[in-house]
Amino acid sequence: MVAVIVAAVALGASTGLAAAPVEAGKVYSGTEGEEVAVVPLAPRAAKKYILRVRGTGSEFDGKVFPYELNDWSTSSTEQYNFKTQWHGRDYTTLYVRDQRYELYVPGRQQAIRVTFDEKRTAALKPEEVYATYQKLQADGTLAKLMAFDRKGEQARHDKAYADTLLEMNNACGTSVSAAIDWSSVNDDLLKELSIASYCESPLTSLKSLCEVSNVAKQTVREKVKQVSCRFGPALETKVEADRVIWQTNKDASNQDAYATKFFKKNL
């Protein structure tokens, strides 16, 4: 009886796995143990895939996200990528051009070069990859990681901004406070731009001025106590009492040079 039950359970599990809407996949690996399993969903013509990343030391490790295949190949070149959503943004995890495979994961600035791994491909069980995908869907993990997290995004930029502020204060011997006016930043800007980078120019400019001139350092100590950053229709700066109000814009360019010129003239 026990043997019959075990056999029935095993048969049921096997049937469930076999029913998973996946086709045979491939595994690509890097030189330091990184790997990405690429598993097509049936029918393959729909260009829907699931990818599982391992060994990168990133938030993607062990996760299985849904992907779309975008193919720009021509008769003479091979070029395509696999795109998912990461915190509300389009994110390309695997990019292929003429047999060059590049893996991208959050937290790593450089692409990871990967190549087809015949041994790992032979050992790949696409049904297991799909089962992980289903589990992450069911427990809400994928929805959380793929959705736009405004609060988290703001916190990340606030930290980067605070790090730059600390460098400026150290260089100038000051205790200036600074803040980003988040009410001026809509979701589209937050998704598209590095907000902290747009806001940092007055801080990096003041830091540079302090590093080359004791007169500048003394001037900053006396005249700057606060810095605020907001987004508006144009690049514009003004000083009110001891507060620098920095207004930047999506299309603003040469912001560091603009800030330095302003401070030399107006402080």
C-alpha atoms as a PDB file:
ATOM      1  CA  MET A   1       0.000   0.000   0.000  1.00  0.00           C
ATOM      2  CA  VAL A   2       2.794   2.431   0.943  1.00  0.00           C
ATOM      3  CA  ALA A   3       4.576   1.660  -2.312  1.00  0.00           C
ATOM      4  CA  VAL A   4       1.403   2.315  -4.264  1.00  0.00           C
ATOM      5  CA  ILE A   5       0.887   5.682  -2.536  1.00  0.00           C
ATOM      6  CA  VAL A   6       4.497   6.728  -3.124  1.00  0.00           C
ATOM      7  CA  ALA A   7       4.220   5.742  -6.765  1.00  0.00           C
ATOM      8  CA  ALA A   8       0.980   7.682  -7.137  1.00  0.00           C
ATOM      9  CA  VAL A   9       2.478  10.795  -5.561  1.00  0.00           C
ATOM     10  CA  ALA A  10       5.551  10.536  -7.759  1.00  0.00           C
ATOM     11  CA  LEU A  11       3.372  10.087 -10.849  1.00  0.00           C
ATOM     12  CA  GLY A  12       1.250  13.074  -9.889  1.00  0.00           C
ATOM     13  CA  ALA A  13       4.332  15.266  -9.392  1.00  0.00           C
ATOM     14  CA  SER A  14       5.787  14.113 -12.668  1.00  0.00           C
ATOM     15  CA  THR A  15       2.536  14.845 -14.482  1.00  0.00           C
ATOM     16  CA  GLY A  16       2.375  18.321 -12.924  1.00  0.00           C
ATOM     17  CA  LEU A  17       5.913  19.124 -14.017  1.00  0.00           C
ATOM     18  CA  ALA A  18       5.334  17.763 -17.478  1.00  0.00           C
ATOM     19  CA  ALA A  19       2.310  20.023 -17.802  1.00  0.00           C
ATOM     20  CA  ALA A  20       4.397  23.151 -17.189  1.00  0.00           C
ATOM     21  CA  PRO A  21       4.179  25.357 -20.324  1.00  0.00           C
ATOM     22  CA  VAL A  22       7.923  25.478 -20.934  1.00  0.00           C
ATOM     23  CA  GLU A  23      10.251  24.252 -23.623  1.00  0.00           C
ATOM     24  CA  ALA A  24      13.867  23.143 -23.416  1.00  0.00           C
ATOM     25  CA  GLY A  25      16.109  25.963 -22.218  1.00  0.00           C
ATOM     26  CA  LYS A  26      19.770  26.906 -22.286  1.00  0.00           C
ATOM     27  CA  VAL A  27      22.260  27.937 -19.630  1.00  0.00           C
ATOM     28  CA  TYR A  28      24.999  30.533 -20.067  1.00  0.00           C
ATOM     29  CA  SER A  29      27.755  30.859 -17.478  1.00  0.00           C
ATOM     30  CA  GLY A  30      30.521  33.257 -16.517  1.00  0.00           C
ATOM     31  CA  THR A  31      34.087  32.724 -15.372  1.00  0.00           C
ATOM     32  CA  GLU A  32      33.273  33.195 -11.673  1.00  0.00           C
ATOM     33  CA  GLY A  33      30.295  30.883 -11.364  1.00  0.00           C
ATOM     34  CA  GLU A  34      27.643  33.291 -12.618  1.00  0.00           C
ATOM     35  CA  GLU A  35      24.904  31.741 -14.692  1.00  0.00           C
ATOM     36  CA  VAL A  36      21.611  32.533 -16.362  1.00  0.00           C
ATOM     37  CA  ALA A  37      19.097  29.907 -17.433  1.00  0.00           C
ATOM     38  CA  VAL A  38      16.928  30.968 -20.373  1.00  0.00           C
ATOM     39  CA  VAL A  39      13.667  29.022 -20.596  1.00  0.00           C
ATOM     40  CA  PRO A  40      11.090  29.728 -23.339  1.00  0.00           C
ATOM     41  CA  LEU A  41       7.394  29.554 -22.537  1.00  0.00           C
ATOM     42  CA  ALA A  42       5.193  27.691 -24.966  1.00  0.00           C
ATOM     43  CA  PRO A  43       4.460  28.583 -27.654  1.00  0.00           C
ATOM     44  CA  ARG A  44       7.925  29.899 -28.461  1.00  0.00           C
ATOM     45  CA  ALA A  45       6.480  32.152 -31.172  1.00  0.00           C
ATOM     46  CA  ALA A  46       4.985  34.358 -28.429  1.00  0.00           C
ATOM     47  CA  LYS A  47       8.547  35.381 -27.445  1.00  0.00           C
ATOM     48  CA  LYS A  48       7.827  34.997 -23.724  1.00  0.00           C
ATOM     49  CA  TYR A  49      10.573  33.613 -21.491  1.00  0.00           C
ATOM     50  CA  ILE A  50      11.531  33.097 -17.890  1.00  0.00           C
ATOM     51  CA  LEU A  51      15.146  33.613 -16.794  1.00  0.00           C
ATOM     52  CA  ARG A  52      16.816  32.389 -13.629  1.00  0.00           C
ATOM     53  CA  VAL A  53      20.030  34.052 -12.445  1.00  0.00           C
ATOM     54  CA  ARG A  54      22.513  32.520 -10.013  1.00  0.00           C
ATOM     55  CA  GLY A  55      25.957  33.239  -8.623  1.00  0.00           C
ATOM     56  CA  THR A  56      26.124  36.994  -9.225  1.00  0.00           C
ATOM     57  CA  GLY A  57      25.829  38.169  -5.621  1.00  0.00           C
ATOM     58  CA  SER A  58      22.904  40.370  -6.656  1.00  0.00           C
ATOM     59  CA  GLU A  59      19.229  40.645  -5.787  1.00  0.00           C
ATOM     60  CA  PHE A  60      18.497  38.627  -8.920  1.00  0.00           C
ATOM     61  CA  ASP A  61      20.127  35.460  -7.588  1.00  0.00           C
ATOM     62  CA  GLY A  62      17.623  32.627  -7.280  1.00  0.00           C
ATOM     63  CA  LYS A  63      14.834  34.745  -8.733  1.00  0.00           C
ATOM     64  CA  VAL A  64      12.885  33.840 -11.859  1.00  0.00           C
ATOM     65  CA  PHE A  65      11.349  36.810 -13.686  1.00  0.00           C
ATOM     66  CA  PRO A  66       9.127  36.874 -16.778  1.00  0.00           C
ATOM     67  CA  TYR A  67      10.791  38.314 -19.880  1.00  0.00           C
ATOM     68  CA  GLU A  68      10.005  39.496 -23.373  1.00  0.00           C
ATOM     69  CA  LEU A  69      12.363  38.795 -26.237  1.00  0.00           C
ATOM     70  CA  ASN A  70      13.199  41.853 -28.344  1.00  0.00           C
ATOM     71  CA  ASP A  71      14.915  40.889 -31.566  1.00  0.00           C
ATOM     72  CA  TRP A  72      16.628  43.330 -33.945  1.00  0.00           C
ATOM     73  CA  SER A  73      18.608  40.724 -35.857  1.00  0.00           C
ATOM     74  CA  THR A  74      19.190  41.109 -39.562  1.00  0.00           C
ATOM     75  CA  SER A  75      20.449  38.780 -42.239  1.00  0.00           C
ATOM     76  CA  SER A  76      24.018  39.769 -41.374  1.00  0.00           C
ATOM     77  CA  THR A  77      23.902  40.438 -37.624  1.00  0.00           C
ATOM     78  CA  GLU A  78      22.417  38.806 -34.557  1.00  0.00           C
ATOM     79  CA  GLN A  79      21.098  41.234 -31.941  1.00  0.00           C
ATOM     80  CA  TYR A  80      18.434  40.716 -29.291  1.00  0.00           C
ATOM     81  CA  ASN A  81      17.754  41.106 -25.583  1.00  0.00           C
ATOM     82  CA  PHE A  82      15.550  39.782 -22.808  1.00  0.00           C
ATOM     83  CA  LYS A  83      13.661  42.520 -20.960  1.00  0.00           C
ATOM     84  CA  THR A  84      11.704  42.457 -17.697  1.00  0.00           C
ATOM     85  CA  GLN A  85      10.483  45.021 -15.155  1.00  0.00           C
ATOM     86  CA  TRP A  86      12.612  46.002 -12.147  1.00  0.00           C
ATOM     87  CA  HIS A  87      11.180  48.536  -9.682  1.00  0.00           C
ATOM     88  CA  GLY A  88       8.871  49.878 -12.369  1.00  0.00           C
ATOM     89  CA  ARG A  89      11.538  50.248 -15.055  1.00  0.00           C
ATOM     90  CA  ASP A  90      12.344  48.259 -18.163  1.00  0.00           C
ATOM     91  CA  TYR A  91      15.411  46.172 -17.341  1.00  0.00           C
ATOM     92  CA  THR A  92      17.537  44.193 -19.781  1.00  0.00           C
ATOM     93  CA  THR A  93      19.115  41.210 -18.062  1.00  0.00           C
ATOM     94  CA  LEU A  94      20.630  39.434 -21.048  1.00  0.00           C
ATOM     95  CA  TYR A  95      21.887  41.174 -24.185  1.00  0.00           C
ATOM     96  CA  VAL A  96      23.172  39.302 -27.213  1.00  0.00           C
ATOM     97  CA  ARG A  97      25.063  40.638 -30.192  1.00  0.00           C
ATOM     98  CA  ASP A  98      26.807  38.383 -32.685  1.00  0.00           C
ATOM     99  CA  GLN A  99      27.447  35.563 -30.209  1.00  0.00           C
ATOM    100  CA  ARG A 100      28.548  37.939 -27.454  1.00  0.00           C
ATOM    101  CA  TYR A 101      26.362  37.347 -24.405  1.00  0.00           C
ATOM    102  CA  GLU A 102      26.239  39.971 -21.635  1.00  0.00           C
ATOM    103  CA  LEU A 103      24.435  39.499 -18.332  1.00  0.00           C
ATOM    104  CA  TYR A 104      23.280  42.551 -16.364  1.00  0.00           C
ATOM    105  CA  VAL A 105      22.177  42.500 -12.728  1.00  0.00           C
ATOM    106  CA  PRO A 106      21.419  45.227 -10.161  1.00  0.00           C
ATOM    107  CA  GLY A 107      24.394  46.411  -8.150  1.00  0.00           C
ATOM    108  CA  ARG A 108      27.036  45.520 -10.736  1.00  0.00           C
ATOM    109  CA  GLN A 109      28.099  48.359 -12.988  1.00  0.00           C
ATOM    110  CA  GLN A 110      29.770  46.212 -15.614  1.00  0.00           C
ATOM    111  CA  ALA A 111      28.196  43.540 -17.764  1.00  0.00           C
ATOM    112  CA  ILE A 112      29.086  39.935 -16.953  1.00  0.00           C
ATOM    113  CA  ARG A 113      30.346  38.092 -20.028  1.00  0.00           C
ATOM    114  CA  VAL A 114      28.710  34.670 -20.279  1.00  0.00           C
ATOM    115  CA  THR A 115      28.940  31.862 -22.813  1.00  0.00           C
ATOM    116  CA  PHE A 116      26.836  28.831 -23.640  1.00  0.00           C
ATOM    117  CA  ASP A 117      27.384  26.083 -21.065  1.00  0.00           C
ATOM    118  CA  GLU A 118      26.691  22.677 -22.575  1.00  0.00           C
ATOM    119  CA  LYS A 119      27.050  20.742 -19.316  1.00  0.00           C
ATOM    120  CA  ARG A 120      24.710  22.973 -17.317  1.00  0.00           C
ATOM    121  CA  THR A 121      22.244  23.070 -20.188  1.00  0.00           C
ATOM    122  CA  ALA A 122      22.085  19.269 -20.216  1.00  0.00           C
ATOM    123  CA  ALA A 123      21.377  19.302 -16.465  1.00  0.00           C
ATOM    124  CA  LEU A 124      18.763  22.063 -16.652  1.00  0.00           C
ATOM    125  CA  LYS A 125      15.211  21.118 -15.677  1.00  0.00           C
ATOM    126  CA  PRO A 126      12.967  23.825 -17.131  1.00  0.00           C
ATOM    127  CA  GLU A 127       9.953  22.563 -15.157  1.00  0.00           C
ATOM    128  CA  GLU A 128      11.793  23.338 -11.914  1.00  0.00           C
ATOM    129  CA  VAL A 129      12.587  26.851 -13.123  1.00  0.00           C
ATOM    130  CA  TYR A 130       8.901  27.301 -13.920  1.00  0.00           C
ATOM    131  CA  ALA A 131       7.898  25.971 -10.488  1.00  0.00           C
ATOM    132  CA  THR A 132      10.115  28.603  -8.842  1.00  0.00           C
ATOM    133  CA  TYR A 133       8.542  31.241 -11.054  1.00  0.00           C
ATOM    134  CA  GLN A 134       5.054  30.154  -9.981  1.00  0.00           C
ATOM    135  CA  LYS A 135       6.033  30.225  -6.316  1.00  0.00           C
ATOM    136  CA  LEU A 136       7.488  33.738  -6.562  1.00  0.00           C
ATOM    137  CA  GLN A 137       4.329  34.847  -8.330  1.00  0.00           C
ATOM    138  CA  ALA A 138       2.062  33.312  -5.719  1.00  0.00           C
ATOM    139  CA  ASP A 139       3.844  34.708  -2.658  1.00  0.00           C
ATOM    140  CA  GLY A 140       4.007  38.247  -4.068  1.00  0.00           C
ATOM    141  CA  THR A 141       7.798  38.414  -4.405  1.00  0.00           C
ATOM    142  CA  LEU A 142       7.739  39.206  -8.123  1.00  0.00           C
ATOM    143  CA  ALA A 143       5.015  41.817  -7.795  1.00  0.00           C
ATOM    144  CA  LYS A 144       7.030  43.597  -5.110  1.00  0.00           C
ATOM    145  CA  LEU A 145      10.308  43.530  -7.038  1.00  0.00           C
ATOM    146  CA  MET A 146       8.766  44.516 -10.358  1.00  0.00           C
ATOM    147  CA  ALA A 147       6.543  47.334  -9.066  1.00  0.00           C
ATOM    148  CA  PHE A 148       7.701  50.928  -8.809  1.00  0.00           C
ATOM    149  CA  ASP A 149       8.742  51.693  -5.213  1.00  0.00           C
ATOM    150  CA  ARG A 150       8.762  55.471  -4.930  1.00  0.00           C
ATOM    151  CA  LYS A 151       9.600  55.474  -1.234  1.00  0.00           C
ATOM    152  CA  GLY A 152      12.555  53.169  -1.767  1.00  0.00           C
ATOM    153  CA  GLU A 153      13.782  55.147  -4.769  1.00  0.00           C
ATOM    154  CA  GLN A 154      13.668  58.399  -2.818  1.00  0.00           C
ATOM    155  CA  ALA A 155      15.599  56.834   0.046  1.00  0.00           C
ATOM    156  CA  ARG A 156      18.314  55.623  -2.334  1.00  0.00           C
ATOM    157  CA  HIS A 157      18.781  59.077  -3.849  1.00  0.00           C
ATOM    158  CA  ASP A 158      18.634  60.772  -0.441  1.00  0.00           C
ATOM    159  CA  LYS A 159      21.512  58.581   0.718  1.00  0.00           C
ATOM    160  CA  ALA A 160      23.637  59.394  -2.338  1.00  0.00           C
ATOM    161  CA  TYR A 161      22.859  63.090  -1.883  1.00  0.00           C
ATOM    162  CA  ALA A 162      23.777  62.916   1.812  1.00  0.00           C
ATOM    163  CA  ASP A 163      27.108  61.260   0.970  1.00  0.00           C
ATOM    164  CA  THR A 164      27.975  64.128  -1.395  1.00  0.00           C
ATOM    165  CA  LEU A 165      26.889  66.657   1.222  1.00  0.00           C
ATOM    166  CA  LEU A 166      29.200  65.059   3.771  1.00  0.00           C
ATOM    167  CA  GLU A 167      32.142  65.366   1.377  1.00  0.00           C
ATOM    168  CA  MET A 168      31.341  69.039   0.844  1.00  0.00           C
ATOM    169  CA  ASN A 169      31.037  69.746   4.562  1.00  0.00           C
ATOM    170  CA  ASN A 170      34.327  67.984   5.228  1.00  0.00           C
ATOM    171  CA  ALA A 171      36.093  70.009   2.541  1.00  0.00           C
ATOM    172  CA  CYS A 172      34.609  73.332   3.649  1.00  0.00           C
ATOM    173  CA  GLY A 173      34.619  72.767   7.400  1.00  0.00           C
ATOM    174  CA  THR A 174      30.887  73.461   7.500  1.00  0.00           C
ATOM    175  CA  SER A 175      27.700  71.861   8.776  1.00  0.00           C
ATOM    176  CA  VAL A 176      25.444  72.793   5.870  1.00  0.00           C
ATOM    177  CA  SER A 177      22.126  70.960   5.650  1.00  0.00           C
ATOM    178  CA  ALA A 178      20.600  69.972   2.311  1.00  0.00           C
ATOM    179  CA  ALA A 179      17.442  68.342   1.018  1.00  0.00           C
ATOM    180  CA  ILE A 180      15.737  67.341  -2.204  1.00  0.00           C
ATOM    181  CA  ASP A 181      12.244  68.752  -2.682  1.00  0.00           C
ATOM    182  CA  TRP A 182      10.503  65.539  -3.658  1.00  0.00           C
ATOM    183  CA  SER A 183       7.210  67.303  -4.311  1.00  0.00           C
ATOM    184  CA  SER A 184       8.849  68.716  -7.460  1.00  0.00           C
ATOM    185  CA  VAL A 185       9.852  65.269  -8.774  1.00  0.00           C
ATOM    186  CA  ASN A 186       7.145  63.221 -10.466  1.00  0.00           C
ATOM    187  CA  ASP A 187       7.286  59.460 -10.964  1.00  0.00           C
ATOM    188  CA  ASP A 188       8.376  59.710 -14.601  1.00  0.00           C
ATOM    189  CA  LEU A 189      11.395  61.831 -13.679  1.00  0.00           C
ATOM    190  CA  LEU A 190      12.275  59.508 -10.833  1.00  0.00           C
ATOM    191  CA  LYS A 191      12.164  56.485 -13.120  1.00  0.00           C
ATOM    192  CA  GLU A 192      14.177  58.151 -15.871  1.00  0.00           C
ATOM    193  CA  LEU A 193      16.818  60.295 -14.140  1.00  0.00           C
ATOM    194  CA  SER A 194      19.473  59.996 -11.490  1.00  0.00           C
ATOM    195  CA  ILE A 195      17.862  62.620  -9.265  1.00  0.00           C
ATOM    196  CA  ALA A 196      20.780  62.729  -6.842  1.00  0.00           C
ATOM    197  CA  SER A 197      23.200  63.458  -9.695  1.00  0.00           C
ATOM    198  CA  TYR A 198      21.081  66.361 -10.917  1.00  0.00           C
ATOM    199  CA  CYS A 199      20.933  67.784  -7.378  1.00  0.00           C
ATOM    200  CA  GLU A 200      24.585  67.293  -6.431  1.00  0.00           C
ATOM    201  CA  SER A 201      26.169  69.954  -8.664  1.00  0.00           C
ATOM    202  CA  PRO A 202      26.051  72.842  -6.150  1.00  0.00           C
ATOM    203  CA  LEU A 203      27.520  70.579  -3.483  1.00  0.00           C
ATOM    204  CA  THR A 204      30.359  69.303  -5.655  1.00  0.00           C
ATOM    205  CA  SER A 205      31.033  72.844  -6.878  1.00  0.00           C
ATOM    206  CA  LEU A 206      31.280  74.222  -3.335  1.00  0.00           C
ATOM    207  CA  LYS A 207      33.522  71.317  -2.373  1.00  0.00           C
ATOM    208  CA  SER A 208      35.890  72.065  -5.272  1.00  0.00           C
ATOM    209  CA  LEU A 209      36.011  75.767  -4.449  1.00  0.00           C
ATOM    210  CA  CYS A 210      36.822  75.046  -0.803  1.00  0.00           C
ATOM    211  CA  GLU A 211      39.597  72.655  -1.772  1.00  0.00           C
ATOM    212  CA  VAL A 212      41.505  75.268  -3.784  1.00  0.00           C
ATOM    213  CA  SER A 213      40.884  78.469  -1.845  1.00  0.00           C
ATOM    214  CA  ASN A 214      40.871  79.368   1.842  1.00  0.00           C
ATOM    215  CA  VAL A 215      38.992  82.536   0.932  1.00  0.00           C
ATOM    216  CA  ALA A 216      36.292  80.441  -0.711  1.00  0.00           C
ATOM    217  CA  LYS A 217      36.186  78.173   2.302  1.00  0.00           C
ATOM    218  CA  GLN A 218      35.636  81.127   4.624  1.00  0.00           C
ATOM    219  CA  THR A 219      32.986  82.569   2.320  1.00  0.00           C
ATOM    220  CA  VAL A 220      31.058  79.302   2.251  1.00  0.00           C
ATOM    221  CA  ARG A 221      31.253  79.053   6.046  1.00  0.00           C
ATOM    222  CA  GLU A 222      29.786  82.514   6.434  1.00  0.00           C
ATOM    223  CA  LYS A 223      27.180  82.556   3.687  1.00  0.00           C
ATOM    224  CA  VAL A 224      25.852  79.024   3.172  1.00  0.00           C
ATOM    225  CA  LYS A 225      23.866  77.167   5.829  1.00  0.00           C
ATOM    226  CA  GLN A 226      21.311  75.345   3.713  1.00  0.00           C
ATOM    227  CA  VAL A 227      20.989  73.962   0.190  1.00  0.00           C
ATOM    228  CA  SER A 228      17.727  72.833  -1.368  1.00  0.00           C
ATOM    229  CA  CYS A 229      17.198  71.157  -4.729  1.00  0.00           C
ATOM    230  CA  ARG A 230      14.043  71.089  -6.793  1.00  0.00           C
ATOM    231  CA  PHE A 231      13.043  70.395 -10.384  1.00  0.00           C
ATOM    232  CA  GLY A 232      11.470  73.169 -12.443  1.00  0.00           C
ATOM    233  CA  PRO A 233      11.105  74.565 -15.958  1.00  0.00           C
ATOM    234  CA  ALA A 234      14.743  75.677 -16.249  1.00  0.00           C
ATOM    235  CA  LEU A 235      18.149  75.591 -14.601  1.00  0.00           C
ATOM    236  CA  GLU A 236      18.148  78.410 -12.093  1.00  0.00           C
ATOM    237  CA  THR A 237      19.894  79.259  -8.825  1.00  0.00           C
ATOM    238  CA  LYS A 238      19.427  81.902  -6.191  1.00  0.00           C
ATOM    239  CA  VAL A 239      20.590  82.665  -2.665  1.00  0.00           C
ATOM    240  CA  GLU A 240      18.066  83.770  -0.083  1.00  0.00           C
ATOM    241  CA  ALA A 241      19.654  84.755   3.247  1.00  0.00           C
ATOM    242  CA  ASP A 242      21.952  81.787   3.913  1.00  0.00           C
ATOM    243  CA  ARG A 243      20.046  79.322   1.729  1.00  0.00           C
ATOM    244  CA  VAL A 244      21.075  78.195  -1.763  1.00  0.00           C
ATOM    245  CA  ILE A 245      18.018  77.250  -3.830  1.00  0.00           C
ATOM    246  CA  TRP A 246      19.057  75.060  -6.739  1.00  0.00           C
ATOM    247  CA  GLN A 247      16.448  74.502  -9.433  1.00  0.00           C
ATOM    248  CA  THR A 248      17.403  71.982 -12.070  1.00  0.00           C
ATOM    249  CA  ASN A 249      15.719  70.541 -15.129  1.00  0.00           C
ATOM    250  CA  LYS A 250      15.645  67.298 -17.069  1.00  0.00           C
ATOM    251  CA  ASP A 251      17.405  68.889 -20.029  1.00  0.00           C
ATOM    252  CA  ALA A 252      19.971  70.874 -18.021  1.00  0.00           C
ATOM    253  CA  SER A 253      23.594  70.459 -19.076  1.00  0.00           C
ATOM    254  CA  ASN A 254      27.009  71.572 -17.797  1.00  0.00           C
ATOM    255  CA  GLN A 255      25.533  71.961 -14.328  1.00  0.00           C
ATOM    256  CA  ASP A 256      28.840  71.863 -12.452  1.00  0.00           C
ATOM    257  CA  ALA A 257      30.270  74.685 -14.543  1.00  0.00           C
ATOM    258  CA  TYR A 258      27.059  76.670 -14.153  1.00  0.00           C
ATOM    259  CA  ALA A 259      27.103  76.226 -10.358  1.00  0.00           C
ATOM    260  CA  THR A 260      30.761  77.245 -10.049  1.00  0.00           C
ATOM    261  CA  LYS A 261      30.223  80.358 -12.161  1.00  0.00           C
ATOM    262  CA  PHE A 262      27.179  81.297 -10.066  1.00  0.00           C
ATOM    263  CA  PHE A 263      28.966  80.887  -6.733  1.00  0.00           C
ATOM    264  CA  LYS A 264      31.994  82.901  -7.836  1.00  0.00           C
ATOM    265  CA  LYS A 265      29.702  85.758  -8.816  1.00  0.00           C
ATOM    266  CA  ASN A 266      27.054  85.633  -6.086  1.00  0.00           C
ATOM    267  CA  LEU A 267      28.692  84.473  -2.843  1.00  0.00           C
END
